[in-house]
Amino acid sequence: MISITAIFKSKTESTEQLQSMLNHLVTETRKEAACVRYDLHASENVFIIWEEWKDQPGLDIHNNQPYLQDFISKCESLVSSPIQVYKTLQIL
């Protein structure tokens, strides 16, 4: 199993727009066969996506989805700092 944590810090004036885009991303991603978990968390203007994937090939398919590529290109102007993405493997 592969885990991903992605952290988005929204510009204050873009919080609602970013959340709407993230909601769409979550809805579409959860339809993917290799997606085990894709949860959105928030605290003020910070959004965190916690992901779990069955395997690397499934994650590779996800990373090439047009809706993900579209999201990435559009959200860059809505965040106050670069998106942080951590790929981890469970050790305990």
PDB file of N, CA and C in Angstrom:
ATOM      1  N   MET A   1       0.849  -1.174   0.000  1.00  0.00           N
ATOM      2  CA  MET A   1       0.000   0.000   0.000  1.00  0.00           C
ATOM      3  C   MET A   1       0.893   1.234   0.000  1.00  0.00           C
ATOM      4  N   ILE A   2       0.489   2.226  -0.757  1.00  0.00           N
ATOM      5  CA  ILE A   2       1.222   3.489  -0.851  1.00  0.00           C
ATOM      6  C   ILE A   2       0.352   4.587  -0.253  1.00  0.00           C
ATOM      7  N   SER A   3       0.944   5.397   0.590  1.00  0.00           N
ATOM      8  CA  SER A   3       0.242   6.527   1.192  1.00  0.00           C
ATOM      9  C   SER A   3       0.828   7.829   0.671  1.00  0.00           C
ATOM     10  N   ILE A   4      -0.045   8.780   0.429  1.00  0.00           N
ATOM     11  CA  ILE A   4       0.352  10.122  -0.014  1.00  0.00           C
ATOM     12  C   ILE A   4      -0.352  11.129   0.886  1.00  0.00           C
ATOM     13  N   THR A   5       0.378  12.131   1.302  1.00  0.00           N
ATOM     14  CA  THR A   5      -0.201  13.277   2.002  1.00  0.00           C
ATOM     15  C   THR A   5       0.136  14.511   1.179  1.00  0.00           C
ATOM     16  N   ALA A   6      -0.885  15.250   0.780  1.00  0.00           N
ATOM     17  CA  ALA A   6      -0.685  16.478   0.005  1.00  0.00           C
ATOM     18  C   ALA A   6      -1.258  17.649   0.800  1.00  0.00           C
ATOM     19  N   ILE A   7      -0.475  18.712   0.929  1.00  0.00           N
ATOM     20  CA  ILE A   7      -0.866  19.873   1.730  1.00  0.00           C
ATOM     21  C   ILE A   7      -0.940  21.102   0.836  1.00  0.00           C
ATOM     22  N   PHE A   8      -2.091  21.788   0.907  1.00  0.00           N
ATOM     23  CA  PHE A   8      -2.359  22.978   0.106  1.00  0.00           C
ATOM     24  C   PHE A   8      -2.661  24.131   1.049  1.00  0.00           C
ATOM     25  N   LYS A   9      -1.927  25.220   0.927  1.00  0.00           N
ATOM     26  CA  LYS A   9      -2.190  26.421   1.720  1.00  0.00           C
ATOM     27  C   LYS A   9      -2.783  27.464   0.788  1.00  0.00           C
ATOM     28  N   SER A  10      -4.055  27.695   0.953  1.00  0.00           N
ATOM     29  CA  SER A  10      -4.781  28.598   0.070  1.00  0.00           C
ATOM     30  C   SER A  10      -4.494  30.060   0.390  1.00  0.00           C
ATOM     31  N   LYS A  11      -4.487  30.880  -0.655  1.00  0.00           N
ATOM     32  CA  LYS A  11      -4.527  32.321  -0.427  1.00  0.00           C
ATOM     33  C   LYS A  11      -5.881  32.609   0.225  1.00  0.00           C
ATOM     34  N   THR A  12      -5.921  33.570   1.118  1.00  0.00           N
ATOM     35  CA  THR A  12      -7.144  33.872   1.857  1.00  0.00           C
ATOM     36  C   THR A  12      -8.333  34.106   0.936  1.00  0.00           C
ATOM     37  N   GLU A  13      -8.114  34.838  -0.128  1.00  0.00           N
ATOM     38  CA  GLU A  13      -9.207  35.175  -1.035  1.00  0.00           C
ATOM     39  C   GLU A  13      -9.598  34.023  -1.957  1.00  0.00           C
ATOM     40  N   SER A  14      -8.861  32.929  -1.926  1.00  0.00           N
ATOM     41  CA  SER A  14      -9.108  31.800  -2.833  1.00  0.00           C
ATOM     42  C   SER A  14      -9.582  30.534  -2.131  1.00  0.00           C
ATOM     43  N   THR A  15      -9.824  30.617  -0.839  1.00  0.00           N
ATOM     44  CA  THR A  15     -10.140  29.416  -0.063  1.00  0.00           C
ATOM     45  C   THR A  15     -11.370  28.690  -0.596  1.00  0.00           C
ATOM     46  N   GLU A  16     -12.451  29.392  -0.836  1.00  0.00           N
ATOM     47  CA  GLU A  16     -13.679  28.743  -1.311  1.00  0.00           C
ATOM     48  C   GLU A  16     -13.484  28.125  -2.685  1.00  0.00           C
ATOM     49  N   GLN A  17     -12.803  28.808  -3.570  1.00  0.00           N
ATOM     50  CA  GLN A  17     -12.574  28.286  -4.918  1.00  0.00           C
ATOM     51  C   GLN A  17     -11.691  27.035  -4.862  1.00  0.00           C
ATOM     52  N   LEU A  18     -10.641  27.078  -4.059  1.00  0.00           N
ATOM     53  CA  LEU A  18      -9.767  25.918  -3.945  1.00  0.00           C
ATOM     54  C   LEU A  18     -10.523  24.735  -3.345  1.00  0.00           C
ATOM     55  N   GLN A  19     -11.326  24.974  -2.330  1.00  0.00           N
ATOM     56  CA  GLN A  19     -12.084  23.879  -1.732  1.00  0.00           C
ATOM     57  C   GLN A  19     -13.041  23.252  -2.743  1.00  0.00           C
ATOM     58  N   SER A  20     -13.687  24.056  -3.535  1.00  0.00           N
ATOM     59  CA  SER A  20     -14.581  23.539  -4.569  1.00  0.00           C
ATOM     60  C   SER A  20     -13.821  22.657  -5.562  1.00  0.00           C
ATOM     61  N   MET A  21     -12.654  23.111  -5.972  1.00  0.00           N
ATOM     62  CA  MET A  21     -11.839  22.333  -6.900  1.00  0.00           C
ATOM     63  C   MET A  21     -11.363  21.032  -6.252  1.00  0.00           C
ATOM     64  N   LEU A  22     -10.991  21.095  -4.985  1.00  0.00           N
ATOM     65  CA  LEU A  22     -10.557  19.901  -4.268  1.00  0.00           C
ATOM     66  C   LEU A  22     -11.710  18.913  -4.113  1.00  0.00           C
ATOM     67  N   ASN A  23     -12.907  19.417  -3.839  1.00  0.00           N
ATOM     68  CA  ASN A  23     -14.079  18.541  -3.733  1.00  0.00           C
ATOM     69  C   ASN A  23     -14.275  17.758  -5.031  1.00  0.00           C
ATOM     70  N   HIS A  24     -14.149  18.435  -6.164  1.00  0.00           N
ATOM     71  CA  HIS A  24     -14.285  17.770  -7.465  1.00  0.00           C
ATOM     72  C   HIS A  24     -13.183  16.733  -7.651  1.00  0.00           C
ATOM     73  N   LEU A  25     -11.959  17.095  -7.294  1.00  0.00           N
ATOM     74  CA  LEU A  25     -10.832  16.175  -7.429  1.00  0.00           C
ATOM     75  C   LEU A  25     -11.075  14.912  -6.600  1.00  0.00           C
ATOM     76  N   VAL A  26     -11.538  15.066  -5.379  1.00  0.00           N
ATOM     77  CA  VAL A  26     -11.800  13.920  -4.510  1.00  0.00           C
ATOM     78  C   VAL A  26     -12.889  13.038  -5.114  1.00  0.00           C
ATOM     79  N   THR A  27     -13.966  13.632  -5.576  1.00  0.00           N
ATOM     80  CA  THR A  27     -15.073  12.870  -6.164  1.00  0.00           C
ATOM     81  C   THR A  27     -14.609  12.035  -7.343  1.00  0.00           C
ATOM     82  N   GLU A  28     -13.818  12.626  -8.228  1.00  0.00           N
ATOM     83  CA  GLU A  28     -13.337  11.898  -9.411  1.00  0.00           C
ATOM     84  C   GLU A  28     -12.319  10.828  -9.037  1.00  0.00           C
ATOM     85  N   THR A  29     -11.417  11.153  -8.128  1.00  0.00           N
ATOM     86  CA  THR A  29     -10.352  10.215  -7.762  1.00  0.00           C
ATOM     87  C   THR A  29     -10.906   8.976  -7.083  1.00  0.00           C
ATOM     88  N   ARG A  30     -11.921   9.135  -6.268  1.00  0.00           N
ATOM     89  CA  ARG A  30     -12.496   7.988  -5.562  1.00  0.00           C
ATOM     90  C   ARG A  30     -13.085   6.947  -6.518  1.00  0.00           C
ATOM     91  N   LYS A  31     -13.307   7.303  -7.758  1.00  0.00           N
ATOM     92  CA  LYS A  31     -13.825   6.378  -8.764  1.00  0.00           C
ATOM     93  C   LYS A  31     -12.735   5.465  -9.336  1.00  0.00           C
ATOM     94  N   GLU A  32     -11.472   5.798  -9.093  1.00  0.00           N
ATOM     95  CA  GLU A  32     -10.372   5.033  -9.670  1.00  0.00           C
ATOM     96  C   GLU A  32     -10.227   3.681  -8.965  1.00  0.00           C
ATOM     97  N   ALA A  33      -9.960   2.646  -9.744  1.00  0.00           N
ATOM     98  CA  ALA A  33      -9.886   1.280  -9.230  1.00  0.00           C
ATOM     99  C   ALA A  33      -8.805   1.094  -8.167  1.00  0.00           C
ATOM    100  N   ALA A  34      -7.674   1.752  -8.312  1.00  0.00           N
ATOM    101  CA  ALA A  34      -6.560   1.562  -7.381  1.00  0.00           C
ATOM    102  C   ALA A  34      -6.657   2.444  -6.139  1.00  0.00           C
ATOM    103  N   CYS A  35      -7.644   3.311  -6.091  1.00  0.00           N
ATOM    104  CA  CYS A  35      -7.800   4.222  -4.946  1.00  0.00           C
ATOM    105  C   CYS A  35      -8.444   3.477  -3.773  1.00  0.00           C
ATOM    106  N   VAL A  36      -7.734   3.407  -2.673  1.00  0.00           N
ATOM    107  CA  VAL A  36      -8.251   2.784  -1.453  1.00  0.00           C
ATOM    108  C   VAL A  36      -8.902   3.853  -0.582  1.00  0.00           C
ATOM    109  N   ARG A  37      -8.246   5.010  -0.508  1.00  0.00           N
ATOM    110  CA  ARG A  37      -8.732   6.107   0.339  1.00  0.00           C
ATOM    111  C   ARG A  37      -8.264   7.418  -0.262  1.00  0.00           C
ATOM    112  N   TYR A  38      -9.143   8.413  -0.250  1.00  0.00           N
ATOM    113  CA  TYR A  38      -8.796   9.741  -0.752  1.00  0.00           C
ATOM    114  C   TYR A  38      -9.657  10.732   0.026  1.00  0.00           C
ATOM    115  N   ASP A  39      -9.137  11.188   1.150  1.00  0.00           N
ATOM    116  CA  ASP A  39      -9.902  12.006   2.092  1.00  0.00           C
ATOM    117  C   ASP A  39      -9.374  13.434   2.132  1.00  0.00           C
ATOM    118  N   LEU A  40     -10.301  14.366   2.230  1.00  0.00           N
ATOM    119  CA  LEU A  40      -9.967  15.787   2.295  1.00  0.00           C
ATOM    120  C   LEU A  40     -10.210  16.297   3.706  1.00  0.00           C
ATOM    121  N   HIS A  41      -9.202  16.949   4.273  1.00  0.00           N
ATOM    122  CA  HIS A  41      -9.277  17.550   5.607  1.00  0.00           C
ATOM    123  C   HIS A  41      -8.973  19.042   5.463  1.00  0.00           C
ATOM    124  N   ALA A  42      -9.470  19.846   6.404  1.00  0.00           N
ATOM    125  CA  ALA A  42      -9.223  21.287   6.332  1.00  0.00           C
ATOM    126  C   ALA A  42      -9.084  21.891   7.722  1.00  0.00           C
ATOM    127  N   SER A  43      -8.305  22.958   7.778  1.00  0.00           N
ATOM    128  CA  SER A  43      -8.174  23.798   8.958  1.00  0.00           C
ATOM    129  C   SER A  43      -7.921  25.209   8.456  1.00  0.00           C
ATOM    130  N   GLU A  44      -8.943  26.053   8.570  1.00  0.00           N
ATOM    131  CA  GLU A  44      -8.896  27.415   8.037  1.00  0.00           C
ATOM    132  C   GLU A  44      -8.554  27.374   6.552  1.00  0.00           C
ATOM    133  N   ASN A  45      -7.405  27.904   6.156  1.00  0.00           N
ATOM    134  CA  ASN A  45      -7.064  27.957   4.732  1.00  0.00           C
ATOM    135  C   ASN A  45      -6.079  26.860   4.318  1.00  0.00           C
ATOM    136  N   VAL A  46      -5.931  25.847   5.158  1.00  0.00           N
ATOM    137  CA  VAL A  46      -5.038  24.722   4.843  1.00  0.00           C
ATOM    138  C   VAL A  46      -5.890  23.484   4.553  1.00  0.00           C
ATOM    139  N   PHE A  47      -5.608  22.848   3.426  1.00  0.00           N
ATOM    140  CA  PHE A  47      -6.297  21.625   3.030  1.00  0.00           C
ATOM    141  C   PHE A  47      -5.279  20.495   2.940  1.00  0.00           C
ATOM    142  N   ILE A  48      -5.683  19.344   3.421  1.00  0.00           N
ATOM    143  CA  ILE A  48      -4.813  18.168   3.378  1.00  0.00           C
ATOM    144  C   ILE A  48      -5.578  17.023   2.734  1.00  0.00           C
ATOM    145  N   ILE A  49      -4.962  16.415   1.746  1.00  0.00           N
ATOM    146  CA  ILE A  49      -5.527  15.203   1.156  1.00  0.00           C
ATOM    147  C   ILE A  49      -4.687  14.038   1.644  1.00  0.00           C
ATOM    148  N   TRP A  50      -5.379  13.059   2.218  1.00  0.00           N
ATOM    149  CA  TRP A  50      -4.731  11.838   2.675  1.00  0.00           C
ATOM    150  C   TRP A  50      -5.160  10.724   1.736  1.00  0.00           C
ATOM    151  N   GLU A  51      -4.183  10.133   1.066  1.00  0.00           N
ATOM    152  CA  GLU A  51      -4.458   9.156   0.018  1.00  0.00           C
ATOM    153  C   GLU A  51      -3.835   7.803   0.361  1.00  0.00           C
ATOM    154  N   GLU A  52      -4.502   6.741  -0.063  1.00  0.00           N
ATOM    155  CA  GLU A  52      -3.922   5.397  -0.018  1.00  0.00           C
ATOM    156  C   GLU A  52      -4.213   4.731  -1.348  1.00  0.00           C
ATOM    157  N   TRP A  53      -3.185   4.109  -1.901  1.00  0.00           N
ATOM    158  CA  TRP A  53      -3.263   3.467  -3.213  1.00  0.00           C
ATOM    159  C   TRP A  53      -2.858   2.011  -3.111  1.00  0.00           C
ATOM    160  N   LYS A  54      -3.511   1.161  -3.906  1.00  0.00           N
ATOM    161  CA  LYS A  54      -3.214  -0.272  -3.901  1.00  0.00           C
ATOM    162  C   LYS A  54      -1.785  -0.556  -4.334  1.00  0.00           C
ATOM    163  N   ASP A  55      -1.321   0.185  -5.357  1.00  0.00           N
ATOM    164  CA  ASP A  55       0.007  -0.108  -5.906  1.00  0.00           C
ATOM    165  C   ASP A  55       0.510   1.077  -6.737  1.00  0.00           C
ATOM    166  N   GLN A  56       1.770   1.018  -7.106  1.00  0.00           N
ATOM    167  CA  GLN A  56       2.394   2.090  -7.891  1.00  0.00           C
ATOM    168  C   GLN A  56       1.775   2.237  -9.280  1.00  0.00           C
ATOM    169  N   PRO A  57       1.471   1.143  -9.994  1.00  0.00           N
ATOM    170  CA  PRO A  57       0.829   1.326 -11.302  1.00  0.00           C
ATOM    171  C   PRO A  57      -0.492   2.100 -11.207  1.00  0.00           C
ATOM    172  N   GLY A  58      -1.271   1.836 -10.162  1.00  0.00           N
ATOM    173  CA  GLY A  58      -2.524   2.571  -9.978  1.00  0.00           C
ATOM    174  C   GLY A  58      -2.285   4.040  -9.681  1.00  0.00           C
ATOM    175  N   LEU A  59      -1.267   4.330  -8.884  1.00  0.00           N
ATOM    176  CA  LEU A  59      -0.916   5.715  -8.596  1.00  0.00           C
ATOM    177  C   LEU A  59      -0.415   6.412  -9.853  1.00  0.00           C
ATOM    178  N   ASP A  60       0.336   5.696 -10.680  1.00  0.00           N
ATOM    179  CA  ASP A  60       0.810   6.271 -11.944  1.00  0.00           C
ATOM    180  C   ASP A  60      -0.356   6.641 -12.846  1.00  0.00           C
ATOM    181  N   ILE A  61      -1.363   5.779 -12.907  1.00  0.00           N
ATOM    182  CA  ILE A  61      -2.564   6.075 -13.706  1.00  0.00           C
ATOM    183  C   ILE A  61      -3.228   7.340 -13.169  1.00  0.00           C
ATOM    184  N   HIS A  62      -3.363   7.425 -11.849  1.00  0.00           N
ATOM    185  CA  HIS A  62      -3.965   8.611 -11.224  1.00  0.00           C
ATOM    186  C   HIS A  62      -3.200   9.881 -11.598  1.00  0.00           C
ATOM    187  N   ASN A  63      -1.882   9.815 -11.492  1.00  0.00           N
ATOM    188  CA  ASN A  63      -1.063  10.999 -11.754  1.00  0.00           C
ATOM    189  C   ASN A  63      -1.160  11.487 -13.191  1.00  0.00           C
ATOM    190  N   ASN A  64      -1.649  10.660 -14.092  1.00  0.00           N
ATOM    191  CA  ASN A  64      -1.794  11.047 -15.492  1.00  0.00           C
ATOM    192  C   ASN A  64      -3.236  11.350 -15.892  1.00  0.00           C
ATOM    193  N   GLN A  65      -4.144  11.343 -14.936  1.00  0.00           N
ATOM    194  CA  GLN A  65      -5.548  11.639 -15.247  1.00  0.00           C
ATOM    195  C   GLN A  65      -5.689  13.102 -15.668  1.00  0.00           C
ATOM    196  N   PRO A  66      -6.454  13.366 -16.725  1.00  0.00           N
ATOM    197  CA  PRO A  66      -6.646  14.755 -17.176  1.00  0.00           C
ATOM    198  C   PRO A  66      -7.218  15.662 -16.092  1.00  0.00           C
ATOM    199  N   TYR A  67      -8.145  15.148 -15.273  1.00  0.00           N
ATOM    200  CA  TYR A  67      -8.725  16.010 -14.241  1.00  0.00           C
ATOM    201  C   TYR A  67      -7.708  16.381 -13.165  1.00  0.00           C
ATOM    202  N   LEU A  68      -6.731  15.510 -12.894  1.00  0.00           N
ATOM    203  CA  LEU A  68      -5.675  15.863 -11.943  1.00  0.00           C
ATOM    204  C   LEU A  68      -4.729  16.890 -12.558  1.00  0.00           C
ATOM    205  N   GLN A  69      -4.339  16.674 -13.789  1.00  0.00           N
ATOM    206  CA  GLN A  69      -3.452  17.626 -14.467  1.00  0.00           C
ATOM    207  C   GLN A  69      -4.106  19.003 -14.561  1.00  0.00           C
ATOM    208  N   ASP A  70      -5.403  19.035 -14.861  1.00  0.00           N
ATOM    209  CA  ASP A  70      -6.148  20.293 -14.939  1.00  0.00           C
ATOM    210  C   ASP A  70      -6.184  20.970 -13.565  1.00  0.00           C
ATOM    211  N   PHE A  71      -6.445  20.187 -12.524  1.00  0.00           N
ATOM    212  CA  PHE A  71      -6.469  20.731 -11.169  1.00  0.00           C
ATOM    213  C   PHE A  71      -5.128  21.364 -10.811  1.00  0.00           C
ATOM    214  N   ILE A  72      -4.047  20.653 -11.075  1.00  0.00           N
ATOM    215  CA  ILE A  72      -2.718  21.158 -10.720  1.00  0.00           C
ATOM    216  C   ILE A  72      -2.426  22.476 -11.422  1.00  0.00           C
ATOM    217  N   SER A  73      -2.735  22.551 -12.706  1.00  0.00           N
ATOM    218  CA  SER A  73      -2.440  23.788 -13.444  1.00  0.00           C
ATOM    219  C   SER A  73      -3.281  24.960 -12.961  1.00  0.00           C
ATOM    220  N   LYS A  74      -4.524  24.698 -12.576  1.00  0.00           N
ATOM    221  CA  LYS A  74      -5.410  25.782 -12.140  1.00  0.00           C
ATOM    222  C   LYS A  74      -5.186  26.194 -10.686  1.00  0.00           C
ATOM    223  N   CYS A  75      -4.771  25.282  -9.835  1.00  0.00           N
ATOM    224  CA  CYS A  75      -4.670  25.616  -8.414  1.00  0.00           C
ATOM    225  C   CYS A  75      -3.397  26.379  -8.080  1.00  0.00           C
ATOM    226  N   GLU A  76      -2.417  26.362  -8.960  1.00  0.00           N
ATOM    227  CA  GLU A  76      -1.148  27.028  -8.659  1.00  0.00           C
ATOM    228  C   GLU A  76      -1.321  28.510  -8.341  1.00  0.00           C
ATOM    229  N   SER A  77      -2.302  29.153  -8.957  1.00  0.00           N
ATOM    230  CA  SER A  77      -2.525  30.576  -8.698  1.00  0.00           C
ATOM    231  C   SER A  77      -3.369  30.803  -7.436  1.00  0.00           C
ATOM    232  N   LEU A  78      -3.891  29.734  -6.845  1.00  0.00           N
ATOM    233  CA  LEU A  78      -4.768  29.856  -5.683  1.00  0.00           C
ATOM    234  C   LEU A  78      -4.068  29.568  -4.361  1.00  0.00           C
ATOM    235  N   VAL A  79      -2.847  29.041  -4.426  1.00  0.00           N
ATOM    236  CA  VAL A  79      -2.128  28.678  -3.202  1.00  0.00           C
ATOM    237  C   VAL A  79      -1.088  29.733  -2.849  1.00  0.00           C
ATOM    238  N   SER A  80      -0.830  29.852  -1.550  1.00  0.00           N
ATOM    239  CA  SER A  80       0.113  30.868  -1.076  1.00  0.00           C
ATOM    240  C   SER A  80       1.546  30.354  -0.986  1.00  0.00           C
ATOM    241  N   SER A  81       1.709  29.044  -1.116  1.00  0.00           N
ATOM    242  CA  SER A  81       3.041  28.440  -1.105  1.00  0.00           C
ATOM    243  C   SER A  81       2.981  27.168  -1.947  1.00  0.00           C
ATOM    244  N   PRO A  82       4.137  26.658  -2.334  1.00  0.00           N
ATOM    245  CA  PRO A  82       4.117  25.441  -3.158  1.00  0.00           C
ATOM    246  C   PRO A  82       3.391  24.287  -2.459  1.00  0.00           C
ATOM    247  N   ILE A  83       2.707  23.482  -3.242  1.00  0.00           N
ATOM    248  CA  ILE A  83       2.024  22.306  -2.720  1.00  0.00           C
ATOM    249  C   ILE A  83       3.080  21.331  -2.199  1.00  0.00           C
ATOM    250  N   GLN A  84       2.847  20.797  -1.014  1.00  0.00           N
ATOM    251  CA  GLN A  84       3.767  19.826  -0.431  1.00  0.00           C
ATOM    252  C   GLN A  84       3.153  18.436  -0.594  1.00  0.00           C
ATOM    253  N   VAL A  85       3.929  17.513  -1.144  1.00  0.00           N
ATOM    254  CA  VAL A  85       3.455  16.148  -1.344  1.00  0.00           C
ATOM    255  C   VAL A  85       4.474  15.184  -0.743  1.00  0.00           C
ATOM    256  N   TYR A  86       3.977  14.300   0.115  1.00  0.00           N
ATOM    257  CA  TYR A  86       4.826  13.314   0.768  1.00  0.00           C
ATOM    258  C   TYR A  86       4.312  11.925   0.422  1.00  0.00           C
ATOM    259  N   LYS A  87       5.176  11.116  -0.169  1.00  0.00           N
ATOM    260  CA  LYS A  87       4.866   9.715  -0.475  1.00  0.00           C
ATOM    261  C   LYS A  87       5.514   8.869   0.605  1.00  0.00           C
ATOM    262  N   THR A  88       4.712   8.081   1.310  1.00  0.00           N
ATOM    263  CA  THR A  88       5.241   7.310   2.422  1.00  0.00           C
ATOM    264  C   THR A  88       4.773   5.857   2.340  1.00  0.00           C
ATOM    265  N   LEU A  89       5.499   5.010   3.039  1.00  0.00           N
ATOM    266  CA  LEU A  89       5.121   3.619   3.216  1.00  0.00           C
ATOM    267  C   LEU A  89       4.919   3.380   4.702  1.00  0.00           C
ATOM    268  N   GLN A  90       3.852   2.682   5.058  1.00  0.00           N
ATOM    269  CA  GLN A  90       3.571   2.401   6.453  1.00  0.00           C
ATOM    270  C   GLN A  90       4.652   1.488   7.008  1.00  0.00           C
ATOM    271  N   ILE A  91       5.178   1.826   8.172  1.00  0.00           N
ATOM    272  CA  ILE A  91       6.244   1.017   8.768  1.00  0.00           C
ATOM    273  C   ILE A  91       5.770   0.305  10.046  1.00  0.00           C
ATOM    274  N   LEU A  92       4.663   0.693  10.605  1.00  0.00           N
ATOM    275  CA  LEU A  92       4.093   0.004  11.778  1.00  0.00           C
ATOM    276  C   LEU A  92       2.605  -0.149  11.606  1.00  0.00           C
TER     277      LEU A  92
END
